């Protein structure tokens, strides 16, 4: 089926969705931040919402660079001031996903980022997020699992601590460990033994690679980490042999088009390689990354993928099914999820 650029946004809003790559710390509501800034007297613009928005969201007039994108987190970290706030932003992230017709979500969070603002113990912070996620998932009807994320630029000892706490909570909602952070300046190699160890203990993994780093990082994620999934991976065409490797292994790519554009990974949105990745037999899924920073929903990413990047509705459907198949759940749960999604597909308005 050809791409259908005339489809209304309501079609994509009604489409059932699966989100595999969404960061909790990049999912805060602007309205919540304004309220918390007033309540907690934070050092951010209180009476001028546009000024606060400029600090926490990528605006059209901003330079689309990694430096600008990452600078938003400096302000966002000011809001992690209490257990109540951390629980609230977790609950609201799941509520927002429900409103966007997301049926299954893996919400990744960085315990160090949440704990650092007030010096909270990492294990306590993880428990706050776990309990809130369980309650909110039931309240809003979004099956939600958690991915604990660690950064390349932080000491290995910190990652080891997070990994140990995550393993202890493997049967309580944390399903995977993620390696994120600045891949252009910090190597992933020191983390390989740790990630292989948690895999042997029964935890799944996903690795950010091929976003700000080159295609060789994708090769390392596949061959050294033995990862099932790669976060982003959009620079894969820099090395055709890595394309062949990923296709052969069935590696799943968690692609985030708007984030890739706003962070300067892709020069022009129309040149995003999502379609080429799918056409070359790579297993692609569509995700938001940091919807609060990008001021988007997954609906927007689904719409962009078809109306601007050239994917057909059939390809969109396949990416959604691929995401359900690649979710860090049991094969039986994945099969049930796929049946649920298939029963919810909206009627094509031009059919």
Protein backbone atom coordinates (compact mmCIF):
# COMPACT_ATOMS: atom_id res chain seq x y z
CA UNK A 1 0.00 0.00 0.00
CA UNK A 2 1.29 3.46 -0.80
CA UNK A 3 1.86 6.08 1.88
CA UNK A 4 -1.31 8.02 2.55
CA UNK A 5 -0.44 11.64 3.43
CA UNK A 6 -4.11 12.71 3.52
CA UNK A 7 -4.97 10.67 6.62
CA UNK A 8 -6.27 12.87 9.46
CA UNK A 9 -4.56 12.98 12.84
CA UNK A 10 -7.66 11.40 14.37
CA UNK A 11 -6.84 8.19 12.51
CA UNK A 12 -3.42 7.96 14.12
CA UNK A 13 -4.83 8.97 17.50
CA UNK A 14 -7.23 6.03 17.32
CA UNK A 15 -4.48 3.65 16.26
CA UNK A 16 -3.37 1.27 19.04
CA UNK A 17 0.23 1.80 19.99
CA UNK A 18 3.24 0.17 21.60
CA UNK A 19 6.02 2.28 23.10
CA UNK A 20 9.40 0.65 23.70
CA UNK A 21 11.59 3.74 24.10
CA UNK A 22 10.30 6.50 26.37
CA UNK A 23 12.39 8.15 29.10
CA UNK A 24 10.53 9.07 32.27
CA UNK A 25 12.84 12.04 32.90
CA UNK A 26 11.90 13.47 29.49
CA UNK A 27 8.14 13.02 29.91
CA UNK A 28 7.16 15.79 32.33
CA UNK A 29 4.08 17.89 31.63
CA UNK A 30 4.70 21.62 31.29
CA UNK A 31 1.62 22.34 33.42
CA UNK A 32 2.98 20.18 36.22
CA UNK A 33 6.34 21.92 36.09
CA UNK A 34 4.70 25.33 36.36
CA UNK A 35 2.69 24.19 39.37
CA UNK A 36 5.73 22.64 41.07
CA UNK A 37 7.89 25.67 40.35
CA UNK A 38 5.40 27.88 42.18
CA UNK A 39 4.86 25.45 45.03
CA UNK A 40 8.51 24.63 45.66
CA UNK A 41 9.94 28.06 44.75
CA UNK A 42 12.34 26.58 42.22
CA UNK A 43 14.91 28.73 40.49
CA UNK A 44 13.07 28.82 37.15
CA UNK A 45 10.72 31.37 35.55
CA UNK A 46 7.52 31.23 37.60
CA UNK A 47 5.26 33.83 36.07
CA UNK A 48 6.23 33.41 32.42
CA UNK A 49 5.26 29.99 30.97
CA UNK A 50 6.94 30.69 27.61
CA UNK A 51 10.28 31.23 29.36
CA UNK A 52 9.98 27.97 31.27
CA UNK A 53 8.92 26.19 28.09
CA UNK A 54 12.08 27.44 26.38
CA UNK A 55 14.13 25.79 29.13
CA UNK A 56 12.44 22.39 29.01
CA UNK A 57 11.19 21.92 25.44
CA UNK A 58 12.80 22.13 22.02
CA UNK A 59 11.29 25.12 20.21
CA UNK A 60 11.11 25.68 16.45
CA UNK A 61 13.58 28.53 16.72
CA UNK A 62 16.10 26.50 18.73
CA UNK A 63 19.25 25.10 17.15
CA UNK A 64 18.61 21.43 16.51
CA UNK A 65 21.75 20.11 18.18
CA UNK A 66 22.59 17.53 20.80
CA UNK A 67 23.85 20.29 23.08
CA UNK A 68 20.53 22.13 22.98
CA UNK A 69 18.48 18.95 23.35
CA UNK A 70 20.47 17.71 26.35
CA UNK A 71 20.45 21.15 27.97
CA UNK A 72 16.73 20.70 28.70
CA UNK A 73 17.56 17.98 31.21
CA UNK A 74 19.50 20.47 33.35
CA UNK A 75 16.26 22.28 34.13
CA UNK A 76 14.16 19.12 34.34
CA UNK A 77 16.40 17.72 37.07
CA UNK A 78 15.46 20.66 39.31
CA UNK A 79 11.97 19.21 39.65
CA UNK A 80 12.91 15.85 41.21
CA UNK A 81 12.57 17.30 44.69
CA UNK A 82 10.58 14.69 46.60
CA UNK A 83 9.09 11.23 46.59
CA UNK A 84 5.69 12.79 45.86
CA UNK A 85 7.02 14.54 42.76
CA UNK A 86 8.73 11.40 41.42
CA UNK A 87 5.54 9.41 41.96
CA UNK A 88 3.45 12.13 40.33
CA UNK A 89 5.53 12.40 37.16
CA UNK A 90 5.51 8.60 36.86
CA UNK A 91 1.74 8.48 37.21
CA UNK A 92 1.23 11.30 34.72
CA UNK A 93 3.54 9.69 32.14
CA UNK A 94 1.34 6.59 32.20
CA UNK A 95 -1.87 8.65 32.14
CA UNK A 96 -0.59 10.53 29.10
CA UNK A 97 0.26 7.27 27.35
CA UNK A 98 -3.26 6.00 28.04
CA UNK A 99 -4.77 9.17 26.58
CA UNK A 100 -2.71 8.52 23.44
CA UNK A 101 -4.10 4.97 23.08
CA UNK A 102 -0.80 3.29 24.04
CA UNK A 103 -1.67 -0.27 25.00
CA UNK A 104 1.77 -1.40 26.13
CA UNK A 105 4.71 0.72 27.26
CA UNK A 106 8.22 0.16 28.52
CA UNK A 107 9.10 3.25 30.50
CA UNK A 108 12.81 3.61 31.08
CA UNK A 109 14.06 5.63 34.00
CA UNK A 110 17.46 6.63 35.31
CA UNK A 111 17.54 6.02 39.08
CA UNK A 112 20.68 8.13 39.52
CA UNK A 113 19.03 11.17 37.90
CA UNK A 114 15.95 10.88 40.09
CA UNK A 115 17.91 10.25 43.28
CA UNK A 116 20.67 12.79 42.88
CA UNK A 117 18.64 15.98 43.39
CA UNK A 118 17.95 15.19 47.04
CA UNK A 119 20.46 12.42 47.69
CA UNK A 120 17.84 9.69 47.97
CA UNK A 121 18.95 6.04 48.15
CA UNK A 122 18.80 4.45 44.70
CA UNK A 123 16.84 1.43 45.84
CA UNK A 124 14.16 3.58 47.49
CA UNK A 125 13.72 5.68 44.36
CA UNK A 126 13.39 2.54 42.27
CA UNK A 127 10.71 1.22 44.62
CA UNK A 128 8.75 4.49 44.36
CA UNK A 129 8.71 4.23 40.58
CA UNK A 130 7.83 0.53 40.65
CA UNK A 131 4.88 0.92 43.01
CA UNK A 132 3.50 3.96 41.20
CA UNK A 133 3.86 2.25 37.83
CA UNK A 134 1.92 -0.78 39.03
CA UNK A 135 -0.90 1.34 40.45
CA UNK A 136 -1.09 3.72 37.47
CA UNK A 137 -1.01 0.85 34.99
CA UNK A 138 -4.10 -0.62 36.61
CA UNK A 139 -5.82 2.74 36.91
CA UNK A 140 -5.27 3.83 33.32
CA UNK A 141 -5.25 0.46 31.57
CA UNK A 142 -1.77 0.65 30.08
CA UNK A 143 0.36 -2.43 30.56
CA UNK A 144 3.63 -0.83 31.67
CA UNK A 145 6.99 -2.37 32.47
CA UNK A 146 10.15 -0.57 33.54
CA UNK A 147 13.67 -0.43 32.15
CA UNK A 148 16.42 0.77 34.48
CA UNK A 149 18.86 2.98 32.60
CA UNK A 150 22.54 3.68 33.31
CA UNK A 151 24.87 6.11 31.56
CA UNK A 152 28.22 5.58 29.88
CA UNK A 153 29.64 8.76 31.41
CA UNK A 154 28.98 7.60 34.99
CA UNK A 155 31.31 5.29 36.93
CA UNK A 156 30.92 1.57 36.35
CA UNK A 157 30.37 1.16 40.08
CA UNK A 158 27.15 3.19 39.82
CA UNK A 159 25.90 0.99 36.99
CA UNK A 160 26.73 -2.11 39.03
CA UNK A 161 24.68 -0.79 41.94
CA UNK A 162 21.68 0.00 39.74
CA UNK A 163 21.97 -3.38 38.02
CA UNK A 164 22.01 -5.24 41.33
CA UNK A 165 18.93 -3.41 42.60
CA UNK A 166 17.21 -4.01 39.25
CA UNK A 167 17.92 -7.74 39.39
CA UNK A 168 16.45 -7.88 42.89
CA UNK A 169 13.29 -6.33 41.43
CA UNK A 170 13.12 -8.43 38.27
CA UNK A 171 9.80 -9.97 39.31
CA UNK A 172 8.31 -6.65 40.42
CA UNK A 173 8.13 -4.68 37.18
CA UNK A 174 11.71 -4.00 36.07
CA UNK A 175 12.30 -6.10 32.98
CA UNK A 176 15.53 -4.78 31.46
CA UNK A 177 18.71 -2.76 31.81
CA UNK A 178 19.54 0.02 29.35
CA UNK A 179 22.88 1.64 28.52
CA UNK A 180 22.46 5.28 27.52
CA UNK A 181 24.56 8.45 27.67
CA UNK A 182 27.12 10.11 25.44
CA UNK A 183 28.23 7.34 23.08
CA UNK A 184 30.35 9.74 21.01
CA UNK A 185 32.77 10.46 23.87
CA UNK A 186 32.40 7.52 26.26
CA UNK A 187 33.00 3.90 25.20
CA UNK A 188 30.57 1.12 25.99
CA UNK A 189 33.29 -1.52 26.40
CA UNK A 190 33.67 -1.17 30.21
CA UNK A 191 30.00 -2.11 30.62
CA UNK A 192 30.06 -5.31 28.55
CA UNK A 193 30.82 -7.75 31.42
CA UNK A 194 28.09 -6.22 33.60
CA UNK A 195 25.44 -6.43 30.89
CA UNK A 196 26.38 -9.99 29.98
CA UNK A 197 26.16 -10.87 33.67
CA UNK A 198 22.64 -9.48 34.07
CA UNK A 199 21.59 -11.30 30.90
CA UNK A 200 22.81 -14.57 32.38
CA UNK A 201 20.74 -13.76 35.47
CA UNK A 202 17.59 -13.50 33.34
CA UNK A 203 17.34 -9.77 32.64
CA UNK A 204 16.84 -8.40 29.13
CA UNK A 205 18.95 -5.53 27.80
CA UNK A 206 18.78 -2.70 25.29
CA UNK A 207 21.66 -0.46 24.19
CA UNK A 208 21.63 3.11 22.88
CA UNK A 209 23.87 3.01 19.81
CA UNK A 210 24.18 4.63 16.40
CA UNK A 211 22.53 7.85 17.55
CA UNK A 212 25.40 10.25 18.28
CA UNK A 213 27.98 7.54 17.72
CA UNK A 214 28.80 5.69 14.51
CA UNK A 215 27.65 2.38 13.06
CA UNK A 216 30.51 0.54 14.76
CA UNK A 217 28.72 1.15 18.06
CA UNK A 218 25.74 -0.76 16.68
CA UNK A 219 28.03 -3.64 15.74
CA UNK A 220 29.44 -3.66 19.28
CA UNK A 221 25.94 -3.62 20.79
CA UNK A 222 25.01 -6.68 18.73
CA UNK A 223 28.22 -8.71 18.91
CA UNK A 224 29.72 -7.74 22.27
CA UNK A 225 26.60 -7.07 24.34
CA UNK A 226 24.47 -9.60 22.46
CA UNK A 227 21.59 -7.12 22.67
CA UNK A 228 18.17 -7.92 21.25
CA UNK A 229 17.32 -4.25 20.80
CA UNK A 230 19.16 -1.06 19.87
CA UNK A 231 17.98 2.38 20.91
CA UNK A 232 17.91 4.60 17.79
CA UNK A 233 20.50 2.98 15.48
CA UNK A 234 19.81 5.49 12.72
CA UNK A 235 23.46 5.78 11.62
CA UNK A 236 23.52 2.13 10.59
CA UNK A 237 23.86 2.87 6.87
CA UNK A 238 27.35 4.27 7.48
CA UNK A 239 28.50 0.63 7.31
CA UNK A 240 26.64 -1.81 5.03
CA UNK A 241 28.16 -4.77 6.84
CA UNK A 242 26.39 -3.67 10.03
CA UNK A 243 23.11 -3.51 8.11
CA UNK A 244 23.69 -7.12 7.03
CA UNK A 245 24.56 -8.14 10.59
CA UNK A 246 21.47 -6.52 12.12
CA UNK A 247 19.19 -8.00 9.47
CA UNK A 248 20.72 -11.45 9.95
CA UNK A 249 20.36 -11.27 13.74
CA UNK A 250 16.86 -9.77 13.65
CA UNK A 251 17.97 -6.89 15.85
CA UNK A 252 15.09 -4.61 16.82
CA UNK A 253 15.58 -0.86 16.44
CA UNK A 254 13.78 1.58 18.75
CA UNK A 255 13.57 4.52 16.33
CA UNK A 256 12.53 8.01 17.50
CA UNK A 257 12.14 10.27 14.43
CA UNK A 258 11.35 13.64 16.06
CA UNK A 259 14.05 13.24 18.69
CA UNK A 260 16.60 12.31 16.03
CA UNK A 261 15.75 15.49 14.13
CA UNK A 262 15.61 17.84 17.11
CA UNK A 263 18.88 16.56 18.54
CA UNK A 264 20.73 17.07 15.28
CA UNK A 265 21.31 13.40 14.51
CA UNK A 266 19.32 13.84 11.28
CA UNK A 267 19.87 17.06 9.34
CA UNK A 268 16.38 17.16 7.83
CA UNK A 269 13.32 15.24 8.97
CA UNK A 270 12.53 14.24 5.39
CA UNK A 271 15.93 12.50 5.25
CA UNK A 272 15.27 10.31 8.26
CA UNK A 273 16.31 6.72 7.44
CA UNK A 274 13.26 5.03 9.04
CA UNK A 275 11.74 4.07 5.68
CA UNK A 276 15.08 2.92 4.29
CA UNK A 277 15.68 0.83 7.39
CA UNK A 278 12.33 -0.91 6.93
CA UNK A 279 12.82 -1.36 3.19
CA UNK A 280 16.22 -2.95 3.84
CA UNK A 281 14.66 -5.61 6.03
CA UNK A 282 15.57 -4.13 9.41
CA UNK A 283 13.19 -4.65 12.29
CA UNK A 284 12.05 -1.12 13.15
CA UNK A 285 9.70 0.18 15.81
CA UNK A 286 8.48 3.76 16.29
CA UNK A 287 8.85 5.60 19.61
CA UNK A 288 8.89 9.06 21.23
CA UNK A 289 12.13 9.07 23.29
CA UNK A 290 11.38 12.22 25.36
CA UNK A 291 7.83 13.35 24.55
CA UNK A 292 7.87 16.18 27.09
CA UNK A 293 11.00 17.72 25.63
CA UNK A 294 9.85 17.24 22.03
CA UNK A 295 6.25 18.29 22.83
CA UNK A 296 4.82 15.28 21.00
CA UNK A 297 2.76 12.15 21.45
CA UNK A 298 3.32 8.77 19.85
CA UNK A 299 0.38 9.75 17.63
CA UNK A 300 2.62 12.44 16.14
CA UNK A 301 5.39 9.95 15.44
CA UNK A 302 2.96 7.57 13.74
CA UNK A 303 1.63 10.42 11.61
CA UNK A 304 5.10 11.72 10.72
CA UNK A 305 6.26 8.24 9.75
CA UNK A 306 3.58 7.99 7.08
CA UNK A 307 2.91 11.56 5.95
CA UNK A 308 6.51 12.82 5.95
CA UNK A 309 8.77 9.78 5.90
CA UNK A 310 6.86 7.72 3.35
CA UNK A 311 5.87 4.63 5.31
CA UNK A 312 2.67 2.95 4.21
CA UNK A 313 -0.11 2.08 6.64
CA UNK A 314 0.87 -1.57 6.18
CA UNK A 315 4.43 -0.72 7.25
CA UNK A 316 3.13 1.27 10.22
CA UNK A 317 1.05 -1.74 11.23
CA UNK A 318 4.06 -4.04 10.91
CA UNK A 319 6.21 -1.74 13.05
CA UNK A 320 3.54 -1.79 15.75
CA UNK A 321 3.34 -5.59 15.63
CA UNK A 322 7.14 -5.76 15.67
CA UNK A 323 7.16 -3.65 18.82
CA UNK A 324 4.69 -6.01 20.49
CA UNK A 325 6.79 -8.99 19.44
CA UNK A 326 9.98 -7.34 20.75
CA UNK A 327 8.50 -6.29 24.09
CA UNK A 328 10.33 -7.63 27.13
CA UNK A 329 7.49 -9.94 28.10
CA UNK A 330 6.90 -13.66 27.68
CA UNK A 331 5.98 -15.09 24.26
CA UNK A 332 2.52 -15.88 25.60
CA UNK A 333 2.02 -12.30 26.80
CA UNK A 334 3.30 -10.97 23.48
CA UNK A 335 0.83 -13.12 21.56
CA UNK A 336 -2.06 -11.87 23.69
CA UNK A 337 -0.91 -8.28 23.18
CA UNK A 338 -0.78 -8.74 19.41
CA UNK A 339 -4.33 -10.13 19.35
CA UNK A 340 -5.48 -7.17 21.44
CA UNK A 341 -3.83 -4.69 19.08
CA UNK A 342 -5.24 -6.37 15.98
CA UNK A 343 -8.76 -6.09 17.37
CA UNK A 344 -8.34 -2.32 17.80
CA UNK A 345 -7.08 -1.27 14.34
CA UNK A 346 -9.27 1.62 13.11
CA UNK A 347 -10.96 1.55 9.75
CA UNK A 348 -8.90 3.24 7.05
CA UNK A 349 -10.86 6.45 6.33
CA UNK A 350 -10.09 6.29 2.61
CA UNK A 351 -10.86 2.61 2.21
